[in-house]
Amino acid sequence: MKKIDLRTLLAHSYEERKKNVFYERPEFKLRIIQIEPGEIIPECRMDSQVIFLCLEGLVEVTVCGDKVELGEMQLLAAEPGHFSMKGLVRSRLLGIQIKLFSSG
């Protein structure tokens, strides 16, 4: 068990995104994301299910070509696919990757 205050976590730039992972287990990974207005997080392929919770701000998330705006206290749950993000205002998100396991 670990209690985490999301308000106090430091967020690093996209180039240092590995430092934004603050909790990881074999089944899942937790990451804090901070994105500035107009900043773009380039498309990447995620092989895990992903949940984004917008803690503050407004972002445009693209999942496999489909765009959706995600505002404060809104959550996006998505299957594995191609993801990118654009900051519409200064925003802070919680990203959760749920790792898939094979049964064989």
PDB file of N, CA and C in Angstrom:
ATOM      1  N   MET A   1       0.860  -1.169   0.000  1.00  0.00           N
ATOM      2  CA  MET A   1       0.000   0.000   0.000  1.00  0.00           C
ATOM      3  C   MET A   1       0.906   1.231   0.000  1.00  0.00           C
ATOM      4  N   LYS A   2       0.508   2.229  -0.786  1.00  0.00           N
ATOM      5  CA  LYS A   2       1.268   3.468  -0.846  1.00  0.00           C
ATOM      6  C   LYS A   2       0.307   4.614  -1.086  1.00  0.00           C
ATOM      7  N   LYS A   3       0.327   5.605  -0.208  1.00  0.00           N
ATOM      8  CA  LYS A   3      -0.505   6.796  -0.363  1.00  0.00           C
ATOM      9  C   LYS A   3       0.286   7.822  -1.162  1.00  0.00           C
ATOM     10  N   ILE A   4      -0.341   8.402  -2.200  1.00  0.00           N
ATOM     11  CA  ILE A   4       0.337   9.346  -3.082  1.00  0.00           C
ATOM     12  C   ILE A   4      -0.519  10.590  -3.231  1.00  0.00           C
ATOM     13  N   ASP A   5       0.068  11.756  -3.013  1.00  0.00           N
ATOM     14  CA  ASP A   5      -0.621  13.026  -3.211  1.00  0.00           C
ATOM     15  C   ASP A   5      -0.277  13.523  -4.616  1.00  0.00           C
ATOM     16  N   LEU A   6      -1.218  13.421  -5.548  1.00  0.00           N
ATOM     17  CA  LEU A   6      -0.978  13.783  -6.947  1.00  0.00           C
ATOM     18  C   LEU A   6      -0.653  15.263  -7.116  1.00  0.00           C
ATOM     19  N   ARG A   7      -1.071  16.081  -6.166  1.00  0.00           N
ATOM     20  CA  ARG A   7      -0.818  17.525  -6.258  1.00  0.00           C
ATOM     21  C   ARG A   7       0.655  17.865  -6.065  1.00  0.00           C
ATOM     22  N   THR A   8       1.400  16.998  -5.403  1.00  0.00           N
ATOM     23  CA  THR A   8       2.789  17.314  -5.068  1.00  0.00           C
ATOM     24  C   THR A   8       3.811  16.679  -6.006  1.00  0.00           C
ATOM     25  N   LEU A   9       3.362  15.842  -6.910  1.00  0.00           N
ATOM     26  CA  LEU A   9       4.300  15.166  -7.816  1.00  0.00           C
ATOM     27  C   LEU A   9       4.865  16.136  -8.850  1.00  0.00           C
ATOM     28  N   LEU A  10       6.170  16.093  -9.035  1.00  0.00           N
ATOM     29  CA  LEU A  10       6.811  16.892 -10.071  1.00  0.00           C
ATOM     30  C   LEU A  10       6.660  16.199 -11.410  1.00  0.00           C
ATOM     31  N   ALA A  11       6.427  16.987 -12.449  1.00  0.00           N
ATOM     32  CA  ALA A  11       6.316  16.440 -13.800  1.00  0.00           C
ATOM     33  C   ALA A  11       7.490  16.933 -14.629  1.00  0.00           C
ATOM     34  N   HIS A  12       8.080  16.025 -15.382  1.00  0.00           N
ATOM     35  CA  HIS A  12       9.211  16.347 -16.244  1.00  0.00           C
ATOM     36  C   HIS A  12       8.735  16.480 -17.685  1.00  0.00           C
ATOM     37  N   SER A  13       9.577  17.025 -18.532  1.00  0.00           N
ATOM     38  CA  SER A  13       9.234  17.219 -19.939  1.00  0.00           C
ATOM     39  C   SER A  13       9.054  15.876 -20.642  1.00  0.00           C
ATOM     40  N   TYR A  14       8.494  15.935 -21.842  1.00  0.00           N
ATOM     41  CA  TYR A  14       8.284  14.725 -22.635  1.00  0.00           C
ATOM     42  C   TYR A  14       9.601  13.984 -22.850  1.00  0.00           C
ATOM     43  N   GLU A  15      10.680  14.731 -23.075  1.00  0.00           N
ATOM     44  CA  GLU A  15      11.979  14.114 -23.315  1.00  0.00           C
ATOM     45  C   GLU A  15      12.462  13.305 -22.113  1.00  0.00           C
ATOM     46  N   GLU A  16      12.004  13.673 -20.920  1.00  0.00           N
ATOM     47  CA  GLU A  16      12.379  12.961 -19.698  1.00  0.00           C
ATOM     48  C   GLU A  16      11.193  12.191 -19.117  1.00  0.00           C
ATOM     49  N   ARG A  17      10.276  11.761 -19.986  1.00  0.00           N
ATOM     50  CA  ARG A  17       9.011  11.162 -19.552  1.00  0.00           C
ATOM     51  C   ARG A  17       9.173   9.942 -18.647  1.00  0.00           C
ATOM     52  N   LYS A  18      10.272   9.224 -18.766  1.00  0.00           N
ATOM     53  CA  LYS A  18      10.457   8.046 -17.905  1.00  0.00           C
ATOM     54  C   LYS A  18      10.516   8.445 -16.434  1.00  0.00           C
ATOM     55  N   LYS A  19      10.957   9.679 -16.157  1.00  0.00           N
ATOM     56  CA  LYS A  19      11.010  10.165 -14.778  1.00  0.00           C
ATOM     57  C   LYS A  19       9.617  10.441 -14.218  1.00  0.00           C
ATOM     58  N   ASN A  20       8.605  10.520 -15.078  1.00  0.00           N
ATOM     59  CA  ASN A  20       7.239  10.812 -14.636  1.00  0.00           C
ATOM     60  C   ASN A  20       6.515   9.586 -14.096  1.00  0.00           C
ATOM     61  N   VAL A  21       7.101   8.410 -14.278  1.00  0.00           N
ATOM     62  CA  VAL A  21       6.515   7.193 -13.700  1.00  0.00           C
ATOM     63  C   VAL A  21       6.825   7.216 -12.203  1.00  0.00           C
ATOM     64  N   PHE A  22       5.779   7.234 -11.396  1.00  0.00           N
ATOM     65  CA  PHE A  22       5.993   7.329  -9.957  1.00  0.00           C
ATOM     66  C   PHE A  22       5.607   6.070  -9.203  1.00  0.00           C
ATOM     67  N   TYR A  23       4.999   5.112  -9.895  1.00  0.00           N
ATOM     68  CA  TYR A  23       4.643   3.847  -9.244  1.00  0.00           C
ATOM     69  C   TYR A  23       4.478   2.794 -10.321  1.00  0.00           C
ATOM     70  N   GLU A  24       5.124   1.644 -10.121  1.00  0.00           N
ATOM     71  CA  GLU A  24       5.037   0.598 -11.147  1.00  0.00           C
ATOM     72  C   GLU A  24       5.047  -0.769 -10.489  1.00  0.00           C
ATOM     73  N   ARG A  25       4.184  -1.596 -10.998  1.00  0.00           N
ATOM     74  CA  ARG A  25       4.082  -2.993 -10.603  1.00  0.00           C
ATOM     75  C   ARG A  25       3.991  -3.821 -11.893  1.00  0.00           C
ATOM     76  N   PRO A  26       4.139  -5.132 -11.817  1.00  0.00           N
ATOM     77  CA  PRO A  26       4.041  -5.929 -13.048  1.00  0.00           C
ATOM     78  C   PRO A  26       2.705  -5.754 -13.785  1.00  0.00           C
ATOM     79  N   GLU A  27       1.643  -5.425 -13.055  1.00  0.00           N
ATOM     80  CA  GLU A  27       0.313  -5.328 -13.652  1.00  0.00           C
ATOM     81  C   GLU A  27      -0.034  -3.941 -14.181  1.00  0.00           C
ATOM     82  N   PHE A  28       0.610  -2.885 -13.654  1.00  0.00           N
ATOM     83  CA  PHE A  28       0.237  -1.533 -14.064  1.00  0.00           C
ATOM     84  C   PHE A  28       1.371  -0.543 -13.817  1.00  0.00           C
ATOM     85  N   LYS A  29       1.220   0.634 -14.426  1.00  0.00           N
ATOM     86  CA  LYS A  29       2.200   1.706 -14.282  1.00  0.00           C
ATOM     87  C   LYS A  29       1.444   3.018 -14.121  1.00  0.00           C
ATOM     88  N   LEU A  30       1.869   3.876 -13.172  1.00  0.00           N
ATOM     89  CA  LEU A  30       1.257   5.176 -12.941  1.00  0.00           C
ATOM     90  C   LEU A  30       2.242   6.271 -13.331  1.00  0.00           C
ATOM     91  N   ARG A  31       1.735   7.274 -14.027  1.00  0.00           N
ATOM     92  CA  ARG A  31       2.582   8.360 -14.528  1.00  0.00           C
ATOM     93  C   ARG A  31       1.843   9.686 -14.387  1.00  0.00           C
ATOM     94  N   ILE A  32       2.589  10.728 -14.038  1.00  0.00           N
ATOM     95  CA  ILE A  32       2.022  12.081 -14.038  1.00  0.00           C
ATOM     96  C   ILE A  32       2.441  12.742 -15.353  1.00  0.00           C
ATOM     97  N   ILE A  33       1.526  13.476 -15.953  1.00  0.00           N
ATOM     98  CA  ILE A  33       1.788  14.147 -17.231  1.00  0.00           C
ATOM     99  C   ILE A  33       1.430  15.612 -17.069  1.00  0.00           C
ATOM    100  N   GLN A  34       2.338  16.477 -17.460  1.00  0.00           N
ATOM    101  CA  GLN A  34       2.038  17.912 -17.496  1.00  0.00           C
ATOM    102  C   GLN A  34       2.297  18.380 -18.920  1.00  0.00           C
ATOM    103  N   ILE A  35       1.347  19.133 -19.469  1.00  0.00           N
ATOM    104  CA  ILE A  35       1.451  19.582 -20.854  1.00  0.00           C
ATOM    105  C   ILE A  35       1.040  21.043 -20.929  1.00  0.00           C
ATOM    106  N   GLU A  36       1.823  21.812 -21.650  1.00  0.00           N
ATOM    107  CA  GLU A  36       1.600  23.258 -21.776  1.00  0.00           C
ATOM    108  C   GLU A  36       0.693  23.561 -22.964  1.00  0.00           C
ATOM    109  N   PRO A  37       0.094  24.754 -23.020  1.00  0.00           N
ATOM    110  CA  PRO A  37      -0.760  25.123 -24.155  1.00  0.00           C
ATOM    111  C   PRO A  37       0.013  25.015 -25.473  1.00  0.00           C
ATOM    112  N   GLY A  38      -0.563  24.307 -26.435  1.00  0.00           N
ATOM    113  CA  GLY A  38       0.058  24.138 -27.742  1.00  0.00           C
ATOM    114  C   GLY A  38       1.102  23.045 -27.801  1.00  0.00           C
ATOM    115  N   GLU A  39       1.543  22.547 -26.657  1.00  0.00           N
ATOM    116  CA  GLU A  39       2.530  21.470 -26.640  1.00  0.00           C
ATOM    117  C   GLU A  39       1.897  20.182 -27.165  1.00  0.00           C
ATOM    118  N   ILE A  40       2.664  19.423 -27.918  1.00  0.00           N
ATOM    119  CA  ILE A  40       2.175  18.171 -28.484  1.00  0.00           C
ATOM    120  C   ILE A  40       3.037  17.016 -27.983  1.00  0.00           C
ATOM    121  N   ILE A  41       2.384  16.002 -27.482  1.00  0.00           N
ATOM    122  CA  ILE A  41       3.065  14.749 -27.179  1.00  0.00           C
ATOM    123  C   ILE A  41       2.860  13.877 -28.415  1.00  0.00           C
ATOM    124  N   PRO A  42       3.954  13.534 -29.110  1.00  0.00           N
ATOM    125  CA  PRO A  42       3.820  12.848 -30.395  1.00  0.00           C
ATOM    126  C   PRO A  42       3.195  11.463 -30.270  1.00  0.00           C
ATOM    127  N   GLU A  43       2.691  11.002 -31.395  1.00  0.00           N
ATOM    128  CA  GLU A  43       2.024   9.701 -31.435  1.00  0.00           C
ATOM    129  C   GLU A  43       2.975   8.590 -31.009  1.00  0.00           C
ATOM    130  N   CYS A  44       2.431   7.703 -30.184  1.00  0.00           N
ATOM    131  CA  CYS A  44       3.181   6.508 -29.791  1.00  0.00           C
ATOM    132  C   CYS A  44       2.224   5.330 -29.739  1.00  0.00           C
ATOM    133  N   ARG A  45       2.763   4.164 -29.898  1.00  0.00           N
ATOM    134  CA  ARG A  45       1.983   2.931 -29.847  1.00  0.00           C
ATOM    135  C   ARG A  45       2.000   2.408 -28.416  1.00  0.00           C
ATOM    136  N   MET A  46       0.815   2.190 -27.862  1.00  0.00           N
ATOM    137  CA  MET A  46       0.681   1.624 -26.522  1.00  0.00           C
ATOM    138  C   MET A  46       0.112   0.217 -26.659  1.00  0.00           C
ATOM    139  N   ASP A  47       0.835  -0.754 -26.131  1.00  0.00           N
ATOM    140  CA  ASP A  47       0.379  -2.136 -26.197  1.00  0.00           C
ATOM    141  C   ASP A  47      -0.447  -2.534 -24.981  1.00  0.00           C
ATOM    142  N   SER A  48      -0.730  -1.557 -24.130  1.00  0.00           N
ATOM    143  CA  SER A  48      -1.523  -1.823 -22.929  1.00  0.00           C
ATOM    144  C   SER A  48      -2.794  -0.978 -22.959  1.00  0.00           C
ATOM    145  N   GLN A  49      -3.740  -1.373 -22.147  1.00  0.00           N
ATOM    146  CA  GLN A  49      -4.921  -0.532 -21.973  1.00  0.00           C
ATOM    147  C   GLN A  49      -4.488   0.698 -21.194  1.00  0.00           C
ATOM    148  N   VAL A  50      -5.100   1.841 -21.499  1.00  0.00           N
ATOM    149  CA  VAL A  50      -4.665   3.108 -20.925  1.00  0.00           C
ATOM    150  C   VAL A  50      -5.859   3.863 -20.359  1.00  0.00           C
ATOM    151  N   ILE A  51      -5.633   4.508 -19.215  1.00  0.00           N
ATOM    152  CA  ILE A  51      -6.613   5.395 -18.618  1.00  0.00           C
ATOM    153  C   ILE A  51      -5.914   6.730 -18.392  1.00  0.00           C
ATOM    154  N   PHE A  52      -6.547   7.818 -18.857  1.00  0.00           N
ATOM    155  CA  PHE A  52      -6.061   9.162 -18.582  1.00  0.00           C
ATOM    156  C   PHE A  52      -7.114   9.878 -17.749  1.00  0.00           C
ATOM    157  N   LEU A  53      -6.698  10.441 -16.624  1.00  0.00           N
ATOM    158  CA  LEU A  53      -7.573  11.257 -15.788  1.00  0.00           C
ATOM    159  C   LEU A  53      -7.014  12.672 -15.808  1.00  0.00           C
ATOM    160  N   CYS A  54      -7.791  13.612 -16.331  1.00  0.00           N
ATOM    161  CA  CYS A  54      -7.368  15.003 -16.385  1.00  0.00           C
ATOM    162  C   CYS A  54      -7.617  15.628 -15.013  1.00  0.00           C
ATOM    163  N   LEU A  55      -6.546  15.958 -14.324  1.00  0.00           N
ATOM    164  CA  LEU A  55      -6.647  16.540 -12.991  1.00  0.00           C
ATOM    165  C   LEU A  55      -6.943  18.029 -13.058  1.00  0.00           C
ATOM    166  N   GLU A  56      -6.364  18.693 -14.057  1.00  0.00           N
ATOM    167  CA  GLU A  56      -6.629  20.116 -14.274  1.00  0.00           C
ATOM    168  C   GLU A  56      -6.318  20.452 -15.721  1.00  0.00           C
ATOM    169  N   GLY A  57      -7.052  21.422 -16.276  1.00  0.00           N
ATOM    170  CA  GLY A  57      -6.789  21.880 -17.636  1.00  0.00           C
ATOM    171  C   GLY A  57      -7.710  21.272 -18.669  1.00  0.00           C
ATOM    172  N   LEU A  58      -7.213  21.264 -19.916  1.00  0.00           N
ATOM    173  CA  LEU A  58      -7.977  20.761 -21.056  1.00  0.00           C
ATOM    174  C   LEU A  58      -6.988  20.294 -22.112  1.00  0.00           C
ATOM    175  N   VAL A  59      -7.127  19.048 -22.542  1.00  0.00           N
ATOM    176  CA  VAL A  59      -6.241  18.483 -23.553  1.00  0.00           C
ATOM    177  C   VAL A  59      -7.071  17.835 -24.657  1.00  0.00           C
ATOM    178  N   GLU A  60      -6.450  17.745 -25.812  1.00  0.00           N
ATOM    179  CA  GLU A  60      -7.033  16.995 -26.919  1.00  0.00           C
ATOM    180  C   GLU A  60      -6.233  15.706 -27.031  1.00  0.00           C
ATOM    181  N   VAL A  61      -6.915  14.580 -26.878  1.00  0.00           N
ATOM    182  CA  VAL A  61      -6.274  13.274 -26.955  1.00  0.00           C
ATOM    183  C   VAL A  61      -6.726  12.611 -28.260  1.00  0.00           C
ATOM    184  N   THR A  62      -5.763  12.087 -28.986  1.00  0.00           N
ATOM    185  CA  THR A  62      -6.067  11.351 -30.213  1.00  0.00           C
ATOM    186  C   THR A  62      -5.728   9.890 -29.983  1.00  0.00           C
ATOM    187  N   VAL A  63      -6.719   9.025 -30.227  1.00  0.00           N
ATOM    188  CA  VAL A  63      -6.545   7.587 -30.065  1.00  0.00           C
ATOM    189  C   VAL A  63      -6.919   6.936 -31.390  1.00  0.00           C
ATOM    190  N   CYS A  64      -5.937   6.361 -32.051  1.00  0.00           N
ATOM    191  CA  CYS A  64      -6.154   5.693 -33.347  1.00  0.00           C
ATOM    192  C   CYS A  64      -6.908   6.598 -34.320  1.00  0.00           C
ATOM    193  N   GLY A  65      -6.557   7.873 -34.342  1.00  0.00           N
ATOM    194  CA  GLY A  65      -7.158   8.830 -35.267  1.00  0.00           C
ATOM    195  C   GLY A  65      -8.409   9.526 -34.770  1.00  0.00           C
ATOM    196  N   ASP A  66      -9.015   9.052 -33.708  1.00  0.00           N
ATOM    197  CA  ASP A  66     -10.210   9.682 -33.140  1.00  0.00           C
ATOM    198  C   ASP A  66      -9.799  10.688 -32.070  1.00  0.00           C
ATOM    199  N   LYS A  67     -10.301  11.930 -32.192  1.00  0.00           N
ATOM    200  CA  LYS A  67      -9.954  12.989 -31.242  1.00  0.00           C
ATOM    201  C   LYS A  67     -11.067  13.205 -30.232  1.00  0.00           C
ATOM    202  N   VAL A  68     -10.648  13.489 -28.988  1.00  0.00           N
ATOM    203  CA  VAL A  68     -11.592  13.790 -27.916  1.00  0.00           C
ATOM    204  C   VAL A  68     -10.930  14.820 -27.000  1.00  0.00           C
ATOM    205  N   GLU A  69     -11.725  15.781 -26.534  1.00  0.00           N
ATOM    206  CA  GLU A  69     -11.232  16.737 -25.544  1.00  0.00           C
ATOM    207  C   GLU A  69     -11.504  16.166 -24.162  1.00  0.00           C
ATOM    208  N   LEU A  70     -10.520  16.309 -23.308  1.00  0.00           N
ATOM    209  CA  LEU A  70     -10.605  15.792 -21.949  1.00  0.00           C
ATOM    210  C   LEU A  70     -10.367  16.953 -20.995  1.00  0.00           C
ATOM    211  N   GLY A  71     -11.387  17.299 -20.204  1.00  0.00           N
ATOM    212  CA  GLY A  71     -11.313  18.405 -19.266  1.00  0.00           C
ATOM    213  C   GLY A  71     -11.152  17.933 -17.842  1.00  0.00           C
ATOM    214  N   GLU A  72     -11.082  18.903 -16.944  1.00  0.00           N
ATOM    215  CA  GLU A  72     -10.861  18.597 -15.530  1.00  0.00           C
ATOM    216  C   GLU A  72     -11.839  17.564 -15.000  1.00  0.00           C
ATOM    217  N   MET A  73     -11.258  16.580 -14.324  1.00  0.00           N
ATOM    218  CA  MET A  73     -11.976  15.493 -13.676  1.00  0.00           C
ATOM    219  C   MET A  73     -12.739  14.621 -14.662  1.00  0.00           C
ATOM    220  N   GLN A  74     -12.313  14.633 -15.922  1.00  0.00           N
ATOM    221  CA  GLN A  74     -12.843  13.696 -16.917  1.00  0.00           C
ATOM    222  C   GLN A  74     -11.808  12.616 -17.140  1.00  0.00           C
ATOM    223  N   LEU A  75     -12.298  11.425 -17.447  1.00  0.00           N
ATOM    224  CA  LEU A  75     -11.460  10.243 -17.581  1.00  0.00           C
ATOM    225  C   LEU A  75     -11.661   9.646 -18.957  1.00  0.00           C
ATOM    226  N   LEU A  76     -10.586   9.174 -19.552  1.00  0.00           N
ATOM    227  CA  LEU A  76     -10.641   8.480 -20.835  1.00  0.00           C
ATOM    228  C   LEU A  76     -10.052   7.095 -20.642  1.00  0.00           C
ATOM    229  N   ALA A  77     -10.800   6.067 -20.998  1.00  0.00           N
ATOM    230  CA  ALA A  77     -10.320   4.687 -20.949  1.00  0.00           C
ATOM    231  C   ALA A  77     -10.249   4.179 -22.375  1.00  0.00           C
ATOM    232  N   ALA A  78      -9.107   3.578 -22.752  1.00  0.00           N
ATOM    233  CA  ALA A  78      -8.926   3.152 -24.134  1.00  0.00           C
ATOM    234  C   ALA A  78      -8.180   1.830 -24.217  1.00  0.00           C
ATOM    235  N   GLU A  79      -8.484   1.108 -25.268  1.00  0.00           N
ATOM    236  CA  GLU A  79      -7.796  -0.140 -25.589  1.00  0.00           C
ATOM    237  C   GLU A  79      -6.402   0.197 -26.129  1.00  0.00           C
ATOM    238  N   PRO A  80      -5.528  -0.786 -26.269  1.00  0.00           N
ATOM    239  CA  PRO A  80      -4.223  -0.544 -26.883  1.00  0.00           C
ATOM    240  C   PRO A  80      -4.380   0.105 -28.259  1.00  0.00           C
ATOM    241  N   GLY A  81      -3.432   0.965 -28.621  1.00  0.00           N
ATOM    242  CA  GLY A  81      -3.504   1.639 -29.913  1.00  0.00           C
ATOM    243  C   GLY A  81      -2.469   2.738 -30.019  1.00  0.00           C
ATOM    244  N   HIS A  82      -2.704   3.650 -30.970  1.00  0.00           N
ATOM    245  CA  HIS A  82      -1.813   4.789 -31.191  1.00  0.00           C
ATOM    246  C   HIS A  82      -2.385   6.023 -30.487  1.00  0.00           C
ATOM    247  N   PHE A  83      -1.560   6.687 -29.681  1.00  0.00           N
ATOM    248  CA  PHE A  83      -1.996   7.812 -28.854  1.00  0.00           C
ATOM    249  C   PHE A  83      -1.127   9.040 -29.102  1.00  0.00           C
ATOM    250  N   SER A  84      -1.754  10.206 -29.063  1.00  0.00           N
ATOM    251  CA  SER A  84      -1.030  11.474 -29.013  1.00  0.00           C
ATOM    252  C   SER A  84      -1.875  12.443 -28.199  1.00  0.00           C
ATOM    253  N   MET A  85      -1.263  13.578 -27.830  1.00  0.00           N
ATOM    254  CA  MET A  85      -1.956  14.517 -26.958  1.00  0.00           C
ATOM    255  C   MET A  85      -1.503  15.936 -27.286  1.00  0.00           C
ATOM    256  N   LYS A  86      -2.424  16.880 -27.177  1.00  0.00           N
ATOM    257  CA  LYS A  86      -2.110  18.292 -27.386  1.00  0.00           C
ATOM    258  C   LYS A  86      -2.702  19.092 -26.237  1.00  0.00           C
ATOM    259  N   GLY A  87      -1.890  19.948 -25.650  1.00  0.00           N
ATOM    260  CA  GLY A  87      -2.362  20.812 -24.575  1.00  0.00           C
ATOM    261  C   GLY A  87      -3.158  21.973 -25.135  1.00  0.00           C
ATOM    262  N   LEU A  88      -4.389  22.146 -24.689  1.00  0.00           N
ATOM    263  CA  LEU A  88      -5.203  23.296 -25.097  1.00  0.00           C
ATOM    264  C   LEU A  88      -5.014  24.441 -24.104  1.00  0.00           C
ATOM    265  N   VAL A  89      -4.786  24.095 -22.860  1.00  0.00           N
ATOM    266  CA  VAL A  89      -4.365  25.021 -21.801  1.00  0.00           C
ATOM    267  C   VAL A  89      -3.359  24.229 -20.960  1.00  0.00           C
ATOM    268  N   ARG A  90      -2.722  24.889 -20.012  1.00  0.00           N
ATOM    269  CA  ARG A  90      -1.788  24.154 -19.140  1.00  0.00           C
ATOM    270  C   ARG A  90      -2.577  23.069 -18.413  1.00  0.00           C
ATOM    271  N   SER A  91      -2.110  21.832 -18.535  1.00  0.00           N
ATOM    272  CA  SER A  91      -2.882  20.697 -18.030  1.00  0.00           C
ATOM    273  C   SER A  91      -1.997  19.714 -17.273  1.00  0.00           C
ATOM    274  N   ARG A  92      -2.653  18.976 -16.409  1.00  0.00           N
ATOM    275  CA  ARG A  92      -1.979  17.961 -15.598  1.00  0.00           C
ATOM    276  C   ARG A  92      -2.874  16.730 -15.600  1.00  0.00           C
ATOM    277  N   LEU A  93      -2.274  15.580 -15.909  1.00  0.00           N
ATOM    278  CA  LEU A  93      -3.037  14.345 -16.012  1.00  0.00           C
ATOM    279  C   LEU A  93      -2.362  13.210 -15.255  1.00  0.00           C
ATOM    280  N   LEU A  94      -3.172  12.244 -14.891  1.00  0.00           N
ATOM    281  CA  LEU A  94      -2.696  10.980 -14.373  1.00  0.00           C
ATOM    282  C   LEU A  94      -2.863   9.966 -15.496  1.00  0.00           C
ATOM    283  N   GLY A  95      -1.794   9.282 -15.840  1.00  0.00           N
ATOM    284  CA  GLY A  95      -1.867   8.223 -16.848  1.00  0.00           C
ATOM    285  C   GLY A  95      -1.661   6.879 -16.187  1.00  0.00           C
ATOM    286  N   ILE A  96      -2.535   5.937 -16.521  1.00  0.00           N
ATOM    287  CA  ILE A  96      -2.447   4.585 -15.965  1.00  0.00           C
ATOM    288  C   ILE A  96      -2.364   3.607 -17.121  1.00  0.00           C
ATOM    289  N   GLN A  97      -1.301   2.813 -17.160  1.00  0.00           N
ATOM    290  CA  GLN A  97      -1.164   1.763 -18.159  1.00  0.00           C
ATOM    291  C   GLN A  97      -1.432   0.433 -17.463  1.00  0.00           C
ATOM    292  N   ILE A  98      -2.371  -0.328 -18.005  1.00  0.00           N
ATOM    293  CA  ILE A  98      -2.717  -1.620 -17.447  1.00  0.00           C
ATOM    294  C   ILE A  98      -2.095  -2.675 -18.352  1.00  0.00           C
ATOM    295  N   LYS A  99      -1.123  -3.373 -17.832  1.00  0.00           N
ATOM    296  CA  LYS A  99      -0.355  -4.323 -18.639  1.00  0.00           C
ATOM    297  C   LYS A  99      -1.148  -5.601 -18.834  1.00  0.00           C
ATOM    298  N   LEU A 100      -1.116  -6.101 -20.050  1.00  0.00           N
ATOM    299  CA  LEU A 100      -1.832  -7.323 -20.398  1.00  0.00           C
ATOM    300  C   LEU A 100      -0.926  -8.528 -20.210  1.00  0.00           C
ATOM    301  N   PHE A 101      -1.491  -9.596 -19.742  1.00  0.00           N
ATOM    302  CA  PHE A 101      -0.729 -10.828 -19.541  1.00  0.00           C
ATOM    303  C   PHE A 101      -1.315 -11.908 -20.435  1.00  0.00           C
ATOM    304  N   SER A 102      -0.447 -12.757 -20.962  1.00  0.00           N
ATOM    305  CA  SER A 102      -0.949 -13.896 -21.732  1.00  0.00           C
ATOM    306  C   SER A 102      -1.208 -15.033 -20.761  1.00  0.00           C
ATOM    307  N   SER A 103      -2.189 -15.848 -21.081  1.00  0.00           N
ATOM    308  CA  SER A 103      -2.558 -16.949 -20.187  1.00  0.00           C
ATOM    309  C   SER A 103      -1.762 -18.214 -20.497  1.00  0.00           C
ATOM    310  N   GLY A 104      -0.877 -18.153 -21.482  1.00  0.00           N
ATOM    311  CA  GLY A 104      -0.114 -19.343 -21.861  1.00  0.00           C
ATOM    312  C   GLY A 104       1.241 -19.229 -21.371  1.00  0.00           C
TER     313      GLY A 104
END
